[in-house]
Amino acid sequence: MTLNNYYLNKKGLALVVIDVQDSLVKAMRPEVSEFVIRDIGILIHTAKTLEFPILYTEQYPRGLKRTIPFIRRALETLEPFEKITFSAVRDQGFMDGLSVLGLTQLIVTGMGSHVCVFQTVLDLLARGYLVHVPQDAVCSRTKQNWRTGLALMERAGAVMTSTETIVFQLFERAGTDAFKAIAPLIK
């Protein structure tokens, strides 16, 4: 991996939020999901403020329910890509939505680190995307599965990072109106 892989480019970047759904959130430890959901919210707010695209998925919503209200409100009018494949990339609708954007870099967040997030990241890397995964904005039902997912994604070539690292890198400087709007969220 080259040093350039660690730089984020707002013009070629999108945020991908994987399966933050009611049944999956309830399966997570509350003390974990609370912080993961908060950090995903921060990343959504960042993307909206800096005006780069957001895509989000729902895994089999009939069984796993819809995206939780906090995240749906943050996403406003965006519609989810419903899927039954674990990897969002293997869903044609998602790939059609992503391909038309002409991007090179993605920030991938969501649930679960070792299944849907991992498989999506792997397939994105295989298609040549540079993928950043904020470790504090992904989770699994167990800490071991979370660690396994992170380790596999990193070995495959994803950049492991954190929500604050992404936010500060993308805003580049303090004192701007945009940064002042997000600063209270990261305290």
C-alpha atoms as a PDB file:
ATOM      1  CA  MET A   1       0.000   0.000   0.000  1.00  0.00           C
ATOM      2  CA  THR A   2       1.335   3.419  -0.943  1.00  0.00           C
ATOM      3  CA  LEU A   3       1.161   6.592   1.094  1.00  0.00           C
ATOM      4  CA  ASN A   4      -1.412   7.990  -1.363  1.00  0.00           C
ATOM      5  CA  ASN A   5      -3.901   5.361  -0.184  1.00  0.00           C
ATOM      6  CA  TYR A   6      -4.181   7.163   3.139  1.00  0.00           C
ATOM      7  CA  TYR A   7      -5.326  10.466   1.637  1.00  0.00           C
ATOM      8  CA  LEU A   8      -9.028  11.096   1.125  1.00  0.00           C
ATOM      9  CA  ASN A   9     -10.181  13.116  -1.880  1.00  0.00           C
ATOM     10  CA  LYS A  10     -13.573  14.795  -1.350  1.00  0.00           C
ATOM     11  CA  LYS A  11     -14.184  14.951  -5.101  1.00  0.00           C
ATOM     12  CA  GLY A  12     -13.850  11.197  -5.652  1.00  0.00           C
ATOM     13  CA  LEU A  13     -15.348  10.008  -2.373  1.00  0.00           C
ATOM     14  CA  ALA A  14     -18.618   8.504  -1.139  1.00  0.00           C
ATOM     15  CA  LEU A  15     -19.881   7.184   2.179  1.00  0.00           C
ATOM     16  CA  VAL A  16     -21.407   3.693   2.188  1.00  0.00           C
ATOM     17  CA  VAL A  17     -23.559   2.741   5.190  1.00  0.00           C
ATOM     18  CA  ILE A  18     -24.224  -0.986   5.458  1.00  0.00           C
ATOM     19  CA  ASP A  19     -27.314  -2.443   7.172  1.00  0.00           C
ATOM     20  CA  VAL A  20     -27.859  -0.289  10.279  1.00  0.00           C
ATOM     21  CA  GLN A  21     -31.224  -1.947  10.809  1.00  0.00           C
ATOM     22  CA  ASP A  22     -33.467  -2.445  13.797  1.00  0.00           C
ATOM     23  CA  SER A  23     -32.934  -6.200  14.260  1.00  0.00           C
ATOM     24  CA  LEU A  24     -29.185  -5.945  13.771  1.00  0.00           C
ATOM     25  CA  VAL A  25     -28.843  -3.050  16.205  1.00  0.00           C
ATOM     26  CA  LYS A  26     -30.815  -5.011  18.821  1.00  0.00           C
ATOM     27  CA  ALA A  27     -28.404  -7.936  18.368  1.00  0.00           C
ATOM     28  CA  MET A  28     -25.396  -5.745  19.243  1.00  0.00           C
ATOM     29  CA  ARG A  29     -24.238  -4.926  22.735  1.00  0.00           C
ATOM     30  CA  PRO A  30     -25.902  -1.587  23.580  1.00  0.00           C
ATOM     31  CA  GLU A  31     -22.690  -0.052  24.893  1.00  0.00           C
ATOM     32  CA  VAL A  32     -21.113  -0.773  21.482  1.00  0.00           C
ATOM     33  CA  SER A  33     -23.987   0.061  19.143  1.00  0.00           C
ATOM     34  CA  GLU A  34     -24.599   3.422  20.836  1.00  0.00           C
ATOM     35  CA  PHE A  35     -21.136   4.679  19.897  1.00  0.00           C
ATOM     36  CA  VAL A  36     -21.118   3.064  16.453  1.00  0.00           C
ATOM     37  CA  ILE A  37     -24.458   4.695  15.602  1.00  0.00           C
ATOM     38  CA  ARG A  38     -23.199   8.057  16.896  1.00  0.00           C
ATOM     39  CA  ASP A  39     -20.074   7.805  14.728  1.00  0.00           C
ATOM     40  CA  ILE A  40     -22.052   6.782  11.652  1.00  0.00           C
ATOM     41  CA  GLY A  41     -24.206   9.855  12.268  1.00  0.00           C
ATOM     42  CA  ILE A  42     -21.086  12.026  12.389  1.00  0.00           C
ATOM     43  CA  LEU A  43     -19.890  10.557   9.092  1.00  0.00           C
ATOM     44  CA  ILE A  44     -23.283  11.164   7.477  1.00  0.00           C
ATOM     45  CA  HIS A  45     -23.231  14.768   8.704  1.00  0.00           C
ATOM     46  CA  THR A  46     -19.694  15.150   7.320  1.00  0.00           C
ATOM     47  CA  ALA A  47     -20.705  13.810   3.909  1.00  0.00           C
ATOM     48  CA  LYS A  48     -23.727  16.091   3.759  1.00  0.00           C
ATOM     49  CA  THR A  49     -21.732  19.145   4.862  1.00  0.00           C
ATOM     50  CA  LEU A  50     -18.941  18.500   2.357  1.00  0.00           C
ATOM     51  CA  GLU A  51     -21.460  17.394  -0.280  1.00  0.00           C
ATOM     52  CA  PHE A  52     -20.146  14.003  -1.246  1.00  0.00           C
ATOM     53  CA  PRO A  53     -22.521  11.120  -2.035  1.00  0.00           C
ATOM     54  CA  ILE A  54     -23.987   8.686   0.463  1.00  0.00           C
ATOM     55  CA  LEU A  55     -25.302   5.227  -0.371  1.00  0.00           C
ATOM     56  CA  TYR A  56     -26.901   2.925   2.156  1.00  0.00           C
ATOM     57  CA  THR A  57     -28.165  -0.620   2.198  1.00  0.00           C
ATOM     58  CA  GLU A  58     -30.704  -2.734   4.000  1.00  0.00           C
ATOM     59  CA  GLN A  59     -30.221  -6.480   4.251  1.00  0.00           C
ATOM     60  CA  TYR A  60     -33.512  -8.334   3.783  1.00  0.00           C
ATOM     61  CA  PRO A  61     -35.636  -5.606   5.425  1.00  0.00           C
ATOM     62  CA  ARG A  62     -38.687  -7.877   5.624  1.00  0.00           C
ATOM     63  CA  GLY A  63     -36.841  -9.984   8.173  1.00  0.00           C
ATOM     64  CA  LEU A  64     -34.318  -7.581   9.685  1.00  0.00           C
ATOM     65  CA  LYS A  65     -36.584  -4.509   9.661  1.00  0.00           C
ATOM     66  CA  ARG A  66     -35.683  -1.087   8.318  1.00  0.00           C
ATOM     67  CA  THR A  67     -32.801   1.266   9.016  1.00  0.00           C
ATOM     68  CA  ILE A  68     -33.114   2.674  12.524  1.00  0.00           C
ATOM     69  CA  PRO A  69     -34.930   6.036  12.782  1.00  0.00           C
ATOM     70  CA  PHE A  70     -31.875   8.066  13.896  1.00  0.00           C
ATOM     71  CA  ILE A  71     -29.951   7.080  10.757  1.00  0.00           C
ATOM     72  CA  ARG A  72     -32.982   7.376   8.446  1.00  0.00           C
ATOM     73  CA  ARG A  73     -33.594  10.929   9.672  1.00  0.00           C
ATOM     74  CA  ALA A  74     -29.944  11.790   9.062  1.00  0.00           C
ATOM     75  CA  LEU A  75     -30.176  10.370   5.546  1.00  0.00           C
ATOM     76  CA  GLU A  76     -33.318  12.426   4.883  1.00  0.00           C
ATOM     77  CA  THR A  77     -34.695  11.683   1.419  1.00  0.00           C
ATOM     78  CA  LEU A  78     -32.174   9.046   0.349  1.00  0.00           C
ATOM     79  CA  GLU A  79     -33.588   5.617  -0.372  1.00  0.00           C
ATOM     80  CA  PRO A  80     -31.841   2.401   0.664  1.00  0.00           C
ATOM     81  CA  PHE A  81     -30.557  -0.247  -1.674  1.00  0.00           C
ATOM     82  CA  GLU A  82     -32.398  -3.338  -0.491  1.00  0.00           C
ATOM     83  CA  LYS A  83     -30.363  -6.518  -0.839  1.00  0.00           C
ATOM     84  CA  ILE A  84     -30.356 -10.170   0.001  1.00  0.00           C
ATOM     85  CA  THR A  85     -26.687 -10.683  -0.853  1.00  0.00           C
ATOM     86  CA  PHE A  86     -24.288 -10.221   2.021  1.00  0.00           C
ATOM     87  CA  SER A  87     -21.986  -8.120  -0.171  1.00  0.00           C
ATOM     88  CA  ALA A  88     -23.727  -4.997  -1.431  1.00  0.00           C
ATOM     89  CA  VAL A  89     -21.495  -5.192  -4.505  1.00  0.00           C
ATOM     90  CA  ARG A  90     -23.220  -8.409  -5.566  1.00  0.00           C
ATOM     91  CA  ASP A  91     -26.527  -6.553  -5.721  1.00  0.00           C
ATOM     92  CA  GLN A  92     -26.965  -5.050  -9.182  1.00  0.00           C
ATOM     93  CA  GLY A  93     -29.008  -2.086  -7.940  1.00  0.00           C
ATOM     94  CA  PHE A  94     -26.282  -1.018  -5.531  1.00  0.00           C
ATOM     95  CA  MET A  95     -23.568  -1.379  -8.150  1.00  0.00           C
ATOM     96  CA  ASP A  96     -25.606   0.573 -10.699  1.00  0.00           C
ATOM     97  CA  GLY A  97     -26.022   3.361  -8.122  1.00  0.00           C
ATOM     98  CA  LEU A  98     -22.320   3.346  -7.265  1.00  0.00           C
ATOM     99  CA  SER A  99     -20.975   3.018 -10.805  1.00  0.00           C
ATOM    100  CA  VAL A 100     -22.757   6.104 -12.149  1.00  0.00           C
ATOM    101  CA  LEU A 101     -20.963   8.233  -9.555  1.00  0.00           C
ATOM    102  CA  GLY A 102     -17.531   7.565 -11.081  1.00  0.00           C
ATOM    103  CA  LEU A 103     -15.740   7.485  -7.742  1.00  0.00           C
ATOM    104  CA  THR A 104     -12.431   5.999  -6.658  1.00  0.00           C
ATOM    105  CA  GLN A 105     -12.618   6.150  -2.834  1.00  0.00           C
ATOM    106  CA  LEU A 106     -15.198   4.931  -0.346  1.00  0.00           C
ATOM    107  CA  ILE A 107     -15.687   5.155   3.394  1.00  0.00           C
ATOM    108  CA  VAL A 108     -17.552   2.020   4.471  1.00  0.00           C
ATOM    109  CA  THR A 109     -19.409   1.811   7.788  1.00  0.00           C
ATOM    110  CA  GLY A 110     -22.136  -0.355   9.287  1.00  0.00           C
ATOM    111  CA  MET A 111     -23.018  -3.805  10.608  1.00  0.00           C
ATOM    112  CA  GLY A 112     -21.651  -6.556  10.828  1.00  0.00           C
ATOM    113  CA  SER A 113     -17.945  -6.169  10.454  1.00  0.00           C
ATOM    114  CA  HIS A 114     -17.249  -9.810   9.683  1.00  0.00           C
ATOM    115  CA  VAL A 115     -20.137 -10.466   7.277  1.00  0.00           C
ATOM    116  CA  CYS A 116     -21.817  -7.732   5.205  1.00  0.00           C
ATOM    117  CA  VAL A 117     -19.221  -5.015   5.782  1.00  0.00           C
ATOM    118  CA  PHE A 118     -16.328  -7.422   5.193  1.00  0.00           C
ATOM    119  CA  GLN A 119     -17.790  -8.978   2.049  1.00  0.00           C
ATOM    120  CA  THR A 120     -18.722  -5.584   0.612  1.00  0.00           C
ATOM    121  CA  VAL A 121     -15.244  -4.182   1.306  1.00  0.00           C
ATOM    122  CA  LEU A 122     -13.575  -7.229  -0.228  1.00  0.00           C
ATOM    123  CA  ASP A 123     -15.632  -6.922  -3.411  1.00  0.00           C
ATOM    124  CA  LEU A 124     -15.036  -3.161  -3.609  1.00  0.00           C
ATOM    125  CA  LEU A 125     -11.287  -3.676  -3.284  1.00  0.00           C
ATOM    126  CA  ALA A 126     -11.430  -6.342  -6.007  1.00  0.00           C
ATOM    127  CA  ARG A 127     -13.050  -3.757  -8.291  1.00  0.00           C
ATOM    128  CA  GLY A 128     -10.267  -1.236  -7.694  1.00  0.00           C
ATOM    129  CA  TYR A 129     -11.850   1.079  -5.146  1.00  0.00           C
ATOM    130  CA  LEU A 130      -9.747   2.504  -2.342  1.00  0.00           C
ATOM    131  CA  VAL A 131     -11.685   1.728   0.843  1.00  0.00           C
ATOM    132  CA  HIS A 132     -11.360   3.364   4.263  1.00  0.00           C
ATOM    133  CA  VAL A 133     -13.026   1.608   7.196  1.00  0.00           C
ATOM    134  CA  PRO A 134     -13.482   3.590  10.415  1.00  0.00           C
ATOM    135  CA  GLN A 135     -13.064   0.924  13.091  1.00  0.00           C
ATOM    136  CA  ASP A 136     -15.291   2.801  15.522  1.00  0.00           C
ATOM    137  CA  ALA A 137     -18.154   3.015  12.991  1.00  0.00           C
ATOM    138  CA  VAL A 138     -18.503  -0.728  12.348  1.00  0.00           C
ATOM    139  CA  CYS A 139     -19.484  -3.504  14.728  1.00  0.00           C
ATOM    140  CA  SER A 140     -20.434  -7.152  15.106  1.00  0.00           C
ATOM    141  CA  ARG A 141     -22.317  -9.070  17.766  1.00  0.00           C
ATOM    142  CA  THR A 142     -19.069 -10.227  19.374  1.00  0.00           C
ATOM    143  CA  LYS A 143     -15.745  -8.484  19.829  1.00  0.00           C
ATOM    144  CA  GLN A 144     -13.959 -11.453  18.253  1.00  0.00           C
ATOM    145  CA  ASN A 145     -16.045 -11.207  15.077  1.00  0.00           C
ATOM    146  CA  TRP A 146     -15.466  -7.435  14.964  1.00  0.00           C
ATOM    147  CA  ARG A 147     -11.704  -7.984  15.263  1.00  0.00           C
ATOM    148  CA  THR A 148     -11.766 -10.754  12.672  1.00  0.00           C
ATOM    149  CA  GLY A 149     -13.603  -8.553  10.183  1.00  0.00           C
ATOM    150  CA  LEU A 150     -11.212  -5.648  10.712  1.00  0.00           C
ATOM    151  CA  ALA A 151      -8.129  -7.831  10.387  1.00  0.00           C
ATOM    152  CA  LEU A 152      -9.373  -9.473   7.192  1.00  0.00           C
ATOM    153  CA  MET A 153     -10.285  -6.129   5.605  1.00  0.00           C
ATOM    154  CA  GLU A 154      -6.920  -4.630   6.493  1.00  0.00           C
ATOM    155  CA  ARG A 155      -5.008  -7.619   5.101  1.00  0.00           C
ATOM    156  CA  ALA A 156      -7.074  -7.372   1.918  1.00  0.00           C
ATOM    157  CA  GLY A 157      -5.955  -3.756   1.465  1.00  0.00           C
ATOM    158  CA  ALA A 158      -8.539  -1.531   3.174  1.00  0.00           C
ATOM    159  CA  VAL A 159      -7.257   1.424   5.170  1.00  0.00           C
ATOM    160  CA  MET A 160      -8.221   1.058   8.827  1.00  0.00           C
ATOM    161  CA  THR A 161      -8.971   4.421  10.376  1.00  0.00           C
ATOM    162  CA  SER A 162     -11.340   6.165  12.788  1.00  0.00           C
ATOM    163  CA  THR A 163     -14.259   8.564  12.518  1.00  0.00           C
ATOM    164  CA  GLU A 164     -12.304  11.496  13.945  1.00  0.00           C
ATOM    165  CA  THR A 165      -9.332  10.808  11.683  1.00  0.00           C
ATOM    166  CA  ILE A 166     -11.651  10.950   8.662  1.00  0.00           C
ATOM    167  CA  VAL A 167     -13.459  14.079   9.856  1.00  0.00           C
ATOM    168  CA  PHE A 168     -10.301  16.060  10.600  1.00  0.00           C
ATOM    169  CA  GLN A 169      -8.648  14.929   7.368  1.00  0.00           C
ATOM    170  CA  LEU A 170     -11.634  15.941   5.244  1.00  0.00           C
ATOM    171  CA  PHE A 171     -12.242  19.325   6.885  1.00  0.00           C
ATOM    172  CA  GLU A 172      -8.499  20.107   6.765  1.00  0.00           C
ATOM    173  CA  ARG A 173      -8.674  23.171   9.029  1.00  0.00           C
ATOM    174  CA  ALA A 174     -10.401  24.601  12.072  1.00  0.00           C
ATOM    175  CA  GLY A 175     -12.197  27.909  12.033  1.00  0.00           C
ATOM    176  CA  THR A 176     -14.325  27.360   8.946  1.00  0.00           C
ATOM    177  CA  ASP A 177     -18.113  27.502   9.182  1.00  0.00           C
ATOM    178  CA  ALA A 178     -18.284  23.878   8.027  1.00  0.00           C
ATOM    179  CA  PHE A 179     -15.888  22.717  10.734  1.00  0.00           C
ATOM    180  CA  LYS A 180     -17.658  24.769  13.404  1.00  0.00           C
ATOM    181  CA  ALA A 181     -20.916  23.040  12.467  1.00  0.00           C
ATOM    182  CA  ILE A 182     -19.478  19.578  13.034  1.00  0.00           C
ATOM    183  CA  ALA A 183     -17.143  20.290  15.971  1.00  0.00           C
ATOM    184  CA  PRO A 184     -19.859  19.879  18.642  1.00  0.00           C
ATOM    185  CA  LEU A 185     -20.592  16.368  17.330  1.00  0.00           C
ATOM    186  CA  ILE A 186     -17.064  15.124  17.964  1.00  0.00           C
ATOM    187  CA  LYS A 187     -16.640  16.412  21.497  1.00  0.00           C
END
